[in-house]
C-alpha atoms as a PDB file:
ATOM      1  CA  MET A   1      -8.276  -1.496  -4.260  1.00  0.00           C
ATOM      2  CA  VAL A   2      -9.896  -4.351  -6.046  1.00  0.00           C
ATOM      3  CA  CYS A   3      -8.035  -7.449  -4.883  1.00  0.00           C
ATOM      4  CA  LEU A   4      -6.460  -9.029  -1.819  1.00  0.00           C
ATOM      5  CA  CYS A   5      -2.997  -8.359  -3.230  1.00  0.00           C
ATOM      6  CA  CYS A   6      -3.842  -4.639  -3.394  1.00  0.00           C
ATOM      7  CA  ILE A   7      -4.933  -4.705   0.244  1.00  0.00           C
ATOM      8  CA  HIS A   8      -1.623  -6.328   1.224  1.00  0.00           C
ATOM      9  CA  ILE A   9       0.379  -3.707  -0.700  1.00  0.00           C
ATOM     10  CA  VAL A  10      -1.554  -0.849   0.879  1.00  0.00           C
ATOM     11  CA  LYS A  11      -1.106  -2.310   4.376  1.00  0.00           C
ATOM     12  CA  MET A  12       2.618  -2.732   3.783  1.00  0.00           C
ATOM     13  CA  GLU A  13       3.104   0.835   2.521  1.00  0.00           C
ATOM     14  CA  VAL A  14       0.982   2.389   5.266  1.00  0.00           C
ATOM     15  CA  GLU A  15       3.048   0.549   7.876  1.00  0.00           C
ATOM     16  CA  LYS A  16       6.313   1.581   6.186  1.00  0.00           C
ATOM     17  CA  ALA A  17       5.155   5.194   6.522  1.00  0.00           C
ATOM     18  CA  GLY A  18       4.978   4.659  10.283  1.00  0.00           C
ATOM     19  CA  CYS A  19       1.206   4.381  10.571  1.00  0.00           C
ATOM     20  CA  THR A  20      -0.859   1.756  12.348  1.00  0.00           C
ATOM     21  CA  PRO A  21      -3.690   0.416  10.184  1.00  0.00           C
ATOM     22  CA  ILE A  22      -6.856  -0.288  12.171  1.00  0.00           C
ATOM     23  CA  ALA A  23      -8.960  -1.536   9.270  1.00  0.00           C
ATOM     24  CA  ILE A  24      -8.240  -2.163   5.602  1.00  0.00           C
ATOM     25  CA  ASP A  25     -10.936  -3.099   3.151  1.00  0.00           C
ATOM     26  CA  PHE A  26     -11.514  -2.632  -0.547  1.00  0.00           C
ATOM     27  CA  GLY A  27     -11.038   1.101  -1.096  1.00  0.00           C
ATOM     28  CA  ILE A  28     -10.822   2.086   2.574  1.00  0.00           C
ATOM     29  CA  VAL A  29      -7.952   2.366   5.048  1.00  0.00           C
ATOM     30  CA  LYS A  30      -8.407   3.526   8.633  1.00  0.00           C
ATOM     31  CA  VAL A  31      -5.315   4.321  10.661  1.00  0.00           C
ATOM     32  CA  LYS A  32      -4.769   5.038  14.330  1.00  0.00           C
ATOM     33  CA  GLU A  33      -2.769   8.225  13.802  1.00  0.00           C
ATOM     34  CA  ASP A  34      -3.759  11.602  12.378  1.00  0.00           C
ATOM     35  CA  LEU A  35      -2.079  11.817   8.980  1.00  0.00           C
ATOM     36  CA  THR A  36      -0.184  14.895   7.898  1.00  0.00           C
ATOM     37  CA  ASP A  37      -0.083  16.060   4.291  1.00  0.00           C
ATOM     38  CA  LYS A  38       3.557  14.959   4.163  1.00  0.00           C
ATOM     39  CA  VAL A  39       2.709  11.387   5.202  1.00  0.00           C
ATOM     40  CA  LEU A  40      -0.234  11.236   2.788  1.00  0.00           C
ATOM     41  CA  ASP A  41       2.020  12.433  -0.037  1.00  0.00           C
ATOM     42  CA  GLU A  42       4.643   9.819   0.867  1.00  0.00           C
ATOM     43  CA  ILE A  43       2.075   7.017   0.892  1.00  0.00           C
ATOM     44  CA  SER A  44       0.560   8.265  -2.353  1.00  0.00           C
ATOM     45  CA  LYS A  45       3.930   8.232  -4.139  1.00  0.00           C
ATOM     46  CA  LYS A  46       4.684   4.709  -2.935  1.00  0.00           C
ATOM     47  CA  LEU A  47       1.268   3.419  -4.010  1.00  0.00           C
ATOM     48  CA  GLN A  48       1.674   4.943  -7.472  1.00  0.00           C
ATOM     49  CA  LYS A  49       4.607   2.599  -8.064  1.00  0.00           C
ATOM     50  CA  TYR A  50       2.084  -0.257  -7.898  1.00  0.00           C
ATOM     51  CA  GLY A  51      -0.516   1.504 -10.026  1.00  0.00           C
ATOM     52  CA  LEU A  52      -2.583   2.392  -6.966  1.00  0.00           C
ATOM     53  CA  GLY A  53      -3.460   5.780  -5.557  1.00  0.00           C
ATOM     54  CA  LEU A  54      -5.285   7.729  -2.906  1.00  0.00           C
ATOM     55  CA  ILE A  55      -8.744   9.044  -3.546  1.00  0.00           C
ATOM     56  CA  ASN A  56      -9.893  12.015  -1.560  1.00  0.00           C
ATOM     57  CA  THR A  57     -12.683  13.765  -3.450  1.00  0.00           C
ATOM     58  CA  PHE A  58     -16.296  12.951  -2.661  1.00  0.00           C
ATOM     59  CA  LYS A  59     -17.028  11.979  -6.274  1.00  0.00           C
ATOM     60  CA  SER A  60     -14.008   9.660  -6.443  1.00  0.00           C
ATOM     61  CA  ILE A  61     -14.974   8.010  -3.169  1.00  0.00           C
ATOM     62  CA  ILE A  62     -18.521   7.326  -4.412  1.00  0.00           C
ATOM     63  CA  VAL A  63     -17.208   5.897  -7.702  1.00  0.00           C
ATOM     64  CA  GLU A  64     -14.777   3.656  -5.818  1.00  0.00           C
ATOM     65  CA  LYS A  65     -17.540   2.382  -3.529  1.00  0.00           C
ATOM     66  CA  ILE A  66     -19.725   1.528  -6.531  1.00  0.00           C
ATOM     67  CA  LYS A  67     -16.841  -0.330  -8.191  1.00  0.00           C
ATOM     68  CA  THR A  68     -16.224  -2.269  -4.979  1.00  0.00           C
ATOM     69  CA  ILE A  69     -19.883  -3.285  -4.707  1.00  0.00           C
ATOM     70  CA  VAL A  70     -19.936  -4.472  -8.333  1.00  0.00           C
ATOM     71  CA  ILE A  71     -16.700  -6.440  -7.919  1.00  0.00           C
ATOM     72  CA  ARG A  72     -17.953  -8.115  -4.729  1.00  0.00           C
ATOM     73  CA  TYR A  73     -21.225  -8.991  -6.466  1.00  0.00           C
ATOM     74  CA  ILE A  74     -19.394 -10.558  -9.411  1.00  0.00           C
ATOM     75  CA  HIS A  75     -17.140 -12.598  -7.133  1.00  0.00           C
ATOM     76  CA  SER A  76     -20.042 -13.833  -5.025  1.00  0.00           C
ATOM     77  CA  ALA A  77     -22.572 -14.487  -7.796  1.00  0.00           C
ATOM     78  CA  ASP A  78     -23.226 -18.153  -8.488  1.00  0.00           C
ATOM     79  CA  ILE A  79     -24.411 -17.651 -12.040  1.00  0.00           C
ATOM     80  CA  LEU A  80     -23.811 -14.567 -14.095  1.00  0.00           C
ATOM     81  CA  PRO A  81     -26.459 -13.614 -16.695  1.00  0.00           C
END
């Protein structure tokens, strides 16, 4: 997730799946419930319609975190080189 619109879409789809989001940030969603594979698959399919997806491998998570840090830096930098 790289924008506020993406966060809104993810929140909406997680709630539609019957889950209660506790925290949503760029690339991370924490929910109150334990998620079954069926619910994760349902959320994944819905997110794909928006060009978004779930990441669940360690390598993908690290890459996503790096992208998020770079994006936040660019948005907060006063002057880019």
